[in-house]
C-alpha atoms as a PDB file:
ATOM      1  CA  UNK A   1       7.677   4.025   8.840  1.00  0.00           C
ATOM      2  CA  UNK A   2       7.216   0.997   6.636  1.00  0.00           C
ATOM      3  CA  UNK A   3       9.718   0.129   3.912  1.00  0.00           C
ATOM      4  CA  UNK A   4       8.384   1.133   0.510  1.00  0.00           C
ATOM      5  CA  UNK A   5       9.343  -0.209  -2.873  1.00  0.00           C
ATOM      6  CA  UNK A   6      12.087   1.939  -4.464  1.00  0.00           C
ATOM      7  CA  UNK A   7      10.816   5.276  -5.771  1.00  0.00           C
ATOM      8  CA  UNK A   8      12.643   6.085  -9.002  1.00  0.00           C
ATOM      9  CA  UNK A   9      10.665   9.171 -10.111  1.00  0.00           C
ATOM     10  CA  UNK A  10       9.977   7.350 -13.354  1.00  0.00           C
ATOM     11  CA  UNK A  11       6.680   5.786 -14.356  1.00  0.00           C
ATOM     12  CA  UNK A  12       7.647   2.152 -13.809  1.00  0.00           C
ATOM     13  CA  UNK A  13       6.552  -0.834 -11.744  1.00  0.00           C
ATOM     14  CA  UNK A  14       8.763   0.076  -8.751  1.00  0.00           C
ATOM     15  CA  UNK A  15       7.326   3.563  -8.447  1.00  0.00           C
ATOM     16  CA  UNK A  16       3.766   2.326  -8.916  1.00  0.00           C
ATOM     17  CA  UNK A  17       4.319  -0.329  -6.231  1.00  0.00           C
ATOM     18  CA  UNK A  18       5.703   2.330  -3.863  1.00  0.00           C
ATOM     19  CA  UNK A  19       2.496   4.359  -4.249  1.00  0.00           C
ATOM     20  CA  UNK A  20       0.389   1.298  -3.455  1.00  0.00           C
ATOM     21  CA  UNK A  21       2.608   0.550  -0.437  1.00  0.00           C
ATOM     22  CA  UNK A  22       1.951   4.098   0.772  1.00  0.00           C
ATOM     23  CA  UNK A  23      -1.810   3.699   0.434  1.00  0.00           C
ATOM     24  CA  UNK A  24      -1.810   0.432   2.353  1.00  0.00           C
ATOM     25  CA  UNK A  25       0.358   1.942   5.081  1.00  0.00           C
ATOM     26  CA  UNK A  26      -2.077   4.839   5.531  1.00  0.00           C
ATOM     27  CA  UNK A  27      -4.958   2.369   5.750  1.00  0.00           C
ATOM     28  CA  UNK A  28      -3.129   0.208   8.302  1.00  0.00           C
ATOM     29  CA  UNK A  29      -2.285   3.288  10.400  1.00  0.00           C
ATOM     30  CA  UNK A  30      -5.924   4.384  10.416  1.00  0.00           C
ATOM     31  CA  UNK A  31      -5.213   7.596   8.507  1.00  0.00           C
ATOM     32  CA  UNK A  32      -7.735   6.609   5.832  1.00  0.00           C
ATOM     33  CA  UNK A  33     -10.596   4.138   5.489  1.00  0.00           C
ATOM     34  CA  UNK A  34     -12.354   2.751   2.441  1.00  0.00           C
ATOM     35  CA  UNK A  35     -11.516   4.747  -0.667  1.00  0.00           C
ATOM     36  CA  UNK A  36     -10.789   8.021   1.160  1.00  0.00           C
ATOM     37  CA  UNK A  37      -7.607   9.903   0.355  1.00  0.00           C
ATOM     38  CA  UNK A  38      -5.093   9.665  -2.464  1.00  0.00           C
ATOM     39  CA  UNK A  39      -1.365   9.664  -3.180  1.00  0.00           C
ATOM     40  CA  UNK A  40       0.695  11.152  -6.012  1.00  0.00           C
ATOM     41  CA  UNK A  41       4.371  11.230  -6.957  1.00  0.00           C
ATOM     42  CA  UNK A  42       6.293  13.269  -9.491  1.00  0.00           C
ATOM     43  CA  UNK A  43       7.341  11.199 -12.510  1.00  0.00           C
ATOM     44  CA  UNK A  44       8.940  12.263 -15.792  1.00  0.00           C
ATOM     45  CA  UNK A  45       6.713  14.899 -17.390  1.00  0.00           C
ATOM     46  CA  UNK A  46       3.890  14.752 -14.884  1.00  0.00           C
ATOM     47  CA  UNK A  47       2.318  13.091 -11.872  1.00  0.00           C
ATOM     48  CA  UNK A  48       1.399   9.482 -11.118  1.00  0.00           C
ATOM     49  CA  UNK A  49      -1.738   9.283  -8.957  1.00  0.00           C
ATOM     50  CA  UNK A  50      -4.070   6.725  -7.456  1.00  0.00           C
ATOM     51  CA  UNK A  51      -7.331   6.000  -9.291  1.00  0.00           C
ATOM     52  CA  UNK A  52     -10.771   7.123  -8.194  1.00  0.00           C
ATOM     53  CA  UNK A  53     -13.023   4.862  -6.151  1.00  0.00           C
ATOM     54  CA  UNK A  54     -10.797   1.799  -5.753  1.00  0.00           C
ATOM     55  CA  UNK A  55     -10.241   0.431  -2.212  1.00  0.00           C
ATOM     56  CA  UNK A  56      -6.523   0.359  -1.403  1.00  0.00           C
ATOM     57  CA  UNK A  57      -6.394  -3.413  -0.960  1.00  0.00           C
ATOM     58  CA  UNK A  58      -7.543  -3.888  -4.558  1.00  0.00           C
ATOM     59  CA  UNK A  59      -5.038  -1.519  -6.170  1.00  0.00           C
ATOM     60  CA  UNK A  60      -2.701  -2.908  -8.815  1.00  0.00           C
ATOM     61  CA  UNK A  61       0.164  -1.033 -10.508  1.00  0.00           C
ATOM     62  CA  UNK A  62      -1.624  -0.670 -13.843  1.00  0.00           C
ATOM     63  CA  UNK A  63      -4.586   1.080 -12.167  1.00  0.00           C
ATOM     64  CA  UNK A  64      -2.503   4.147 -11.292  1.00  0.00           C
ATOM     65  CA  UNK A  65      -3.089   7.103 -13.595  1.00  0.00           C
ATOM     66  CA  UNK A  66      -0.794   9.643 -15.252  1.00  0.00           C
ATOM     67  CA  UNK A  67      -1.564  13.365 -15.056  1.00  0.00           C
ATOM     68  CA  UNK A  68       0.568  15.784 -17.116  1.00  0.00           C
ATOM     69  CA  UNK A  69       2.231  18.787 -15.499  1.00  0.00           C
ATOM     70  CA  UNK A  70      -0.387  21.026 -17.104  1.00  0.00           C
ATOM     71  CA  UNK A  71      -3.821  20.305 -18.473  1.00  0.00           C
ATOM     72  CA  UNK A  72      -6.249  17.452 -18.045  1.00  0.00           C
ATOM     73  CA  UNK A  73      -5.324  13.801 -17.477  1.00  0.00           C
ATOM     74  CA  UNK A  74      -4.832  11.501 -20.411  1.00  0.00           C
ATOM     75  CA  UNK A  75      -7.193   8.542 -20.041  1.00  0.00           C
ATOM     76  CA  UNK A  76      -5.536   5.138 -19.721  1.00  0.00           C
ATOM     77  CA  UNK A  77      -7.715   2.073 -19.373  1.00  0.00           C
ATOM     78  CA  UNK A  78     -11.040   1.852 -17.521  1.00  0.00           C
ATOM     79  CA  UNK A  79      -9.936   3.781 -14.422  1.00  0.00           C
ATOM     80  CA  UNK A  80     -10.119   7.513 -13.803  1.00  0.00           C
ATOM     81  CA  UNK A  81      -7.522   9.452 -11.789  1.00  0.00           C
ATOM     82  CA  UNK A  82      -8.477  10.523  -8.280  1.00  0.00           C
ATOM     83  CA  UNK A  83     -11.051  13.295  -8.257  1.00  0.00           C
ATOM     84  CA  UNK A  84      -8.435  15.367  -6.409  1.00  0.00           C
ATOM     85  CA  UNK A  85      -5.859  15.229  -9.228  1.00  0.00           C
ATOM     86  CA  UNK A  86      -6.083  19.006  -9.635  1.00  0.00           C
ATOM     87  CA  UNK A  87      -4.592  19.886  -6.260  1.00  0.00           C
ATOM     88  CA  UNK A  88      -1.901  17.217  -6.608  1.00  0.00           C
ATOM     89  CA  UNK A  89      -0.958  18.690  -9.981  1.00  0.00           C
ATOM     90  CA  UNK A  90      -1.093  22.279  -8.686  1.00  0.00           C
ATOM     91  CA  UNK A  91       0.924  21.642  -5.516  1.00  0.00           C
ATOM     92  CA  UNK A  92       3.690  19.738  -7.293  1.00  0.00           C
ATOM     93  CA  UNK A  93       3.772  22.450  -9.960  1.00  0.00           C
ATOM     94  CA  UNK A  94       4.233  25.196  -7.352  1.00  0.00           C
ATOM     95  CA  UNK A  95       6.646  23.148  -5.235  1.00  0.00           C
ATOM     96  CA  UNK A  96       9.421  21.758  -7.467  1.00  0.00           C
ATOM     97  CA  UNK A  97      11.286  20.801  -4.282  1.00  0.00           C
ATOM     98  CA  UNK A  98       8.552  18.305  -3.382  1.00  0.00           C
ATOM     99  CA  UNK A  99       8.327  14.789  -4.843  1.00  0.00           C
ATOM    100  CA  UNK A 100       5.073  13.465  -3.349  1.00  0.00           C
ATOM    101  CA  UNK A 101       1.675  14.662  -2.138  1.00  0.00           C
ATOM    102  CA  UNK A 102      -0.526  12.713   0.273  1.00  0.00           C
ATOM    103  CA  UNK A 103      -4.192  13.422   1.014  1.00  0.00           C
ATOM    104  CA  UNK A 104      -6.046  11.772   3.887  1.00  0.00           C
ATOM    105  CA  UNK A 105      -9.005  12.124   6.253  1.00  0.00           C
ATOM    106  CA  UNK A 106      -7.362  11.418   9.630  1.00  0.00           C
ATOM    107  CA  UNK A 107      -9.856  11.713  12.483  1.00  0.00           C
ATOM    108  CA  UNK A 108      -8.351  14.392  14.707  1.00  0.00           C
ATOM    109  CA  UNK A 109      -6.956  16.594  11.947  1.00  0.00           C
ATOM    110  CA  UNK A 110     -10.288  16.409  10.141  1.00  0.00           C
ATOM    111  CA  UNK A 111     -12.120  17.269  13.374  1.00  0.00           C
ATOM    112  CA  UNK A 112     -10.170  20.541  13.499  1.00  0.00           C
ATOM    113  CA  UNK A 113     -10.923  21.153   9.826  1.00  0.00           C
ATOM    114  CA  UNK A 114     -14.635  20.595  10.474  1.00  0.00           C
ATOM    115  CA  UNK A 115     -14.429  23.295  13.131  1.00  0.00           C
ATOM    116  CA  UNK A 116     -12.748  25.526  10.499  1.00  0.00           C
ATOM    117  CA  UNK A 117      -9.593  25.755  12.627  1.00  0.00           C
ATOM    118  CA  UNK A 118      -5.945  25.853  11.650  1.00  0.00           C
ATOM    119  CA  UNK A 119      -3.376  23.901  13.680  1.00  0.00           C
ATOM    120  CA  UNK A 120      -1.326  26.300  15.853  1.00  0.00           C
ATOM    121  CA  UNK A 121       2.142  25.783  17.311  1.00  0.00           C
ATOM    122  CA  UNK A 122       0.965  23.667  20.242  1.00  0.00           C
ATOM    123  CA  UNK A 123       4.164  21.590  19.973  1.00  0.00           C
ATOM    124  CA  UNK A 124       7.590  22.304  18.506  1.00  0.00           C
ATOM    125  CA  UNK A 125       7.097  19.653  15.817  1.00  0.00           C
ATOM    126  CA  UNK A 126       4.825  22.088  13.992  1.00  0.00           C
ATOM    127  CA  UNK A 127       8.103  23.388  12.526  1.00  0.00           C
ATOM    128  CA  UNK A 128       8.234  20.204  10.412  1.00  0.00           C
ATOM    129  CA  UNK A 129       5.574  21.836   8.225  1.00  0.00           C
ATOM    130  CA  UNK A 130       7.651  24.864   7.324  1.00  0.00           C
ATOM    131  CA  UNK A 131       6.303  27.536   9.652  1.00  0.00           C
ATOM    132  CA  UNK A 132       4.494  28.409  12.868  1.00  0.00           C
ATOM    133  CA  UNK A 133       1.200  26.726  11.952  1.00  0.00           C
ATOM    134  CA  UNK A 134      -0.564  24.336   9.600  1.00  0.00           C
ATOM    135  CA  UNK A 135      -2.997  26.602   7.735  1.00  0.00           C
ATOM    136  CA  UNK A 136      -6.650  25.987   6.972  1.00  0.00           C
ATOM    137  CA  UNK A 137      -7.806  26.068   3.352  1.00  0.00           C
ATOM    138  CA  UNK A 138     -11.322  27.522   2.890  1.00  0.00           C
ATOM    139  CA  UNK A 139     -14.061  25.076   2.003  1.00  0.00           C
ATOM    140  CA  UNK A 140     -14.564  24.256  -1.670  1.00  0.00           C
ATOM    141  CA  UNK A 141     -16.098  21.204  -3.271  1.00  0.00           C
ATOM    142  CA  UNK A 142     -13.790  18.191  -3.559  1.00  0.00           C
ATOM    143  CA  UNK A 143     -12.107  17.971  -6.950  1.00  0.00           C
ATOM    144  CA  UNK A 144     -12.821  21.615  -7.804  1.00  0.00           C
ATOM    145  CA  UNK A 145     -10.437  24.091  -9.391  1.00  0.00           C
ATOM    146  CA  UNK A 146     -11.089  26.406  -6.423  1.00  0.00           C
ATOM    147  CA  UNK A 147      -9.880  23.787  -3.952  1.00  0.00           C
ATOM    148  CA  UNK A 148      -6.797  23.104  -6.086  1.00  0.00           C
ATOM    149  CA  UNK A 149      -5.970  26.803  -6.292  1.00  0.00           C
ATOM    150  CA  UNK A 150      -6.402  27.473  -2.571  1.00  0.00           C
ATOM    151  CA  UNK A 151      -4.578  24.315  -1.477  1.00  0.00           C
ATOM    152  CA  UNK A 152      -1.611  25.092  -3.724  1.00  0.00           C
ATOM    153  CA  UNK A 153      -1.501  28.648  -2.358  1.00  0.00           C
ATOM    154  CA  UNK A 154      -1.531  27.373   1.240  1.00  0.00           C
ATOM    155  CA  UNK A 155       1.280  24.934   0.442  1.00  0.00           C
ATOM    156  CA  UNK A 156       3.568  27.511  -1.160  1.00  0.00           C
ATOM    157  CA  UNK A 157       5.350  28.011   2.179  1.00  0.00           C
ATOM    158  CA  UNK A 158       4.139  24.935   4.050  1.00  0.00           C
ATOM    159  CA  UNK A 159       4.364  21.167   3.673  1.00  0.00           C
ATOM    160  CA  UNK A 160       0.950  20.554   5.195  1.00  0.00           C
ATOM    161  CA  UNK A 161      -2.518  22.077   5.366  1.00  0.00           C
ATOM    162  CA  UNK A 162      -6.029  21.331   6.577  1.00  0.00           C
ATOM    163  CA  UNK A 163      -9.002  21.418   4.206  1.00  0.00           C
ATOM    164  CA  UNK A 164     -12.156  22.865   5.765  1.00  0.00           C
ATOM    165  CA  UNK A 165     -14.796  20.160   6.342  1.00  0.00           C
ATOM    166  CA  UNK A 166     -12.681  17.705   4.398  1.00  0.00           C
ATOM    167  CA  UNK A 167      -9.268  16.462   5.573  1.00  0.00           C
ATOM    168  CA  UNK A 168      -5.566  17.180   5.230  1.00  0.00           C
ATOM    169  CA  UNK A 169      -2.734  17.345   2.693  1.00  0.00           C
ATOM    170  CA  UNK A 170       0.992  16.871   3.198  1.00  0.00           C
ATOM    171  CA  UNK A 171       3.915  17.014   0.787  1.00  0.00           C
ATOM    172  CA  UNK A 172       7.387  15.556   0.989  1.00  0.00           C
ATOM    173  CA  UNK A 173      10.835  15.649  -0.531  1.00  0.00           C
ATOM    174  CA  UNK A 174      10.331  11.881  -0.663  1.00  0.00           C
ATOM    175  CA  UNK A 175       7.190   9.772  -0.458  1.00  0.00           C
ATOM    176  CA  UNK A 176       8.288   8.567   2.976  1.00  0.00           C
ATOM    177  CA  UNK A 177       8.508  12.144   4.275  1.00  0.00           C
ATOM    178  CA  UNK A 178       5.075  13.009   2.917  1.00  0.00           C
ATOM    179  CA  UNK A 179       3.642  10.004   4.775  1.00  0.00           C
ATOM    180  CA  UNK A 180       5.587  10.833   7.927  1.00  0.00           C
ATOM    181  CA  UNK A 181       4.226  14.372   7.870  1.00  0.00           C
ATOM    182  CA  UNK A 182       0.655  13.119   7.547  1.00  0.00           C
ATOM    183  CA  UNK A 183       1.085  10.895  10.588  1.00  0.00           C
ATOM    184  CA  UNK A 184       2.783  13.729  12.473  1.00  0.00           C
ATOM    185  CA  UNK A 185      -0.015  16.130  11.548  1.00  0.00           C
ATOM    186  CA  UNK A 186      -2.618  13.733  12.901  1.00  0.00           C
ATOM    187  CA  UNK A 187      -0.581  13.241  16.102  1.00  0.00           C
ATOM    188  CA  UNK A 188      -0.310  17.000  16.675  1.00  0.00           C
ATOM    189  CA  UNK A 189      -4.034  17.475  16.094  1.00  0.00           C
ATOM    190  CA  UNK A 190      -4.789  14.738  18.619  1.00  0.00           C
ATOM    191  CA  UNK A 191      -2.403  16.332  21.157  1.00  0.00           C
ATOM    192  CA  UNK A 192      -4.129  19.699  20.781  1.00  0.00           C
ATOM    193  CA  UNK A 193      -7.592  18.228  21.227  1.00  0.00           C
ATOM    194  CA  UNK A 194      -6.467  16.257  24.295  1.00  0.00           C
ATOM    195  CA  UNK A 195      -4.821  19.346  25.818  1.00  0.00           C
ATOM    196  CA  UNK A 196      -8.020  21.320  25.336  1.00  0.00           C
ATOM    197  CA  UNK A 197     -10.022  18.761  27.309  1.00  0.00           C
ATOM    198  CA  UNK A 198      -8.152  19.579  30.521  1.00  0.00           C
ATOM    199  CA  UNK A 199      -7.206  23.226  30.146  1.00  0.00           C
ATOM    200  CA  UNK A 200      -5.952  25.892  27.781  1.00  0.00           C
ATOM    201  CA  UNK A 201      -2.991  24.906  25.576  1.00  0.00           C
ATOM    202  CA  UNK A 202       0.018  27.222  25.591  1.00  0.00           C
ATOM    203  CA  UNK A 203       1.022  28.094  22.028  1.00  0.00           C
ATOM    204  CA  UNK A 204       4.665  28.594  21.102  1.00  0.00           C
ATOM    205  CA  UNK A 205       5.685  31.908  19.553  1.00  0.00           C
ATOM    206  CA  UNK A 206       6.812  32.442  15.980  1.00  0.00           C
ATOM    207  CA  UNK A 207      10.300  33.081  17.372  1.00  0.00           C
ATOM    208  CA  UNK A 208      10.247  29.728  19.169  1.00  0.00           C
ATOM    209  CA  UNK A 209       9.254  27.914  15.978  1.00  0.00           C
ATOM    210  CA  UNK A 210      11.820  29.765  13.869  1.00  0.00           C
ATOM    211  CA  UNK A 211      14.482  28.618  16.340  1.00  0.00           C
ATOM    212  CA  UNK A 212      13.277  25.021  16.041  1.00  0.00           C
ATOM    213  CA  UNK A 213      13.307  25.310  12.252  1.00  0.00           C
ATOM    214  CA  UNK A 214      16.962  26.314  12.333  1.00  0.00           C
ATOM    215  CA  UNK A 215      17.739  23.349  14.565  1.00  0.00           C
ATOM    216  CA  UNK A 216      15.849  21.018  12.222  1.00  0.00           C
ATOM    217  CA  UNK A 217      18.063  22.133   9.334  1.00  0.00           C
ATOM    218  CA  UNK A 218      20.936  20.188  10.888  1.00  0.00           C
ATOM    219  CA  UNK A 219      18.943  16.971  10.490  1.00  0.00           C
ATOM    220  CA  UNK A 220      19.112  17.238   6.682  1.00  0.00           C
ATOM    221  CA  UNK A 221      16.578  14.743   5.292  1.00  0.00           C
ATOM    222  CA  UNK A 222      16.252  12.767   8.494  1.00  0.00           C
ATOM    223  CA  UNK A 223      12.999  12.826  10.418  1.00  0.00           C
ATOM    224  CA  UNK A 224      13.524  14.726  13.674  1.00  0.00           C
ATOM    225  CA  UNK A 225      11.515  13.745  16.720  1.00  0.00           C
END
């Protein structure tokens, strides 16, 4: 994981720079291309989120947009908040234990979402997402209130989900953990697809994953692997 600028949970230059660092890292890792995806962090009385339609390499701190905890964004300058601001707002509202939300279109995870499949417990690291699977959110138009509602519901007991015919979302107790989970989600999706090319994957039981979850608790905020 790359080193980000300090994340202070206040709307200041350090936090804004950390969000831009995160976007560039996702681009460099191949998790997103062009203007796909978006990143938000909890700040003060709301959410700081990337703007709509700006390639990551052109982002500057002042382009990031503020979205209040409830209600519509307050316009600042010529840029609009990401079209997905609703699910960022909804997820962080329902998950006060989470600090950041990351949305991306990674190839393998999105391939599963296009097939309208959830990600099962093909590997013990699925426990990093809070349960025995990464659920699939039903298809709804990007930016819609329906997508925000369903994504927030799916994330009530998970830290990751797939969006049908769209992409993936992860959340984190820190911005670094949200990014780590997105990369881990894409890795698990790739493993499942590779395993299916040469046979039938064996899926771990809910008991197996619960046992792993208990073991993970001893790692505190470290990233188990």
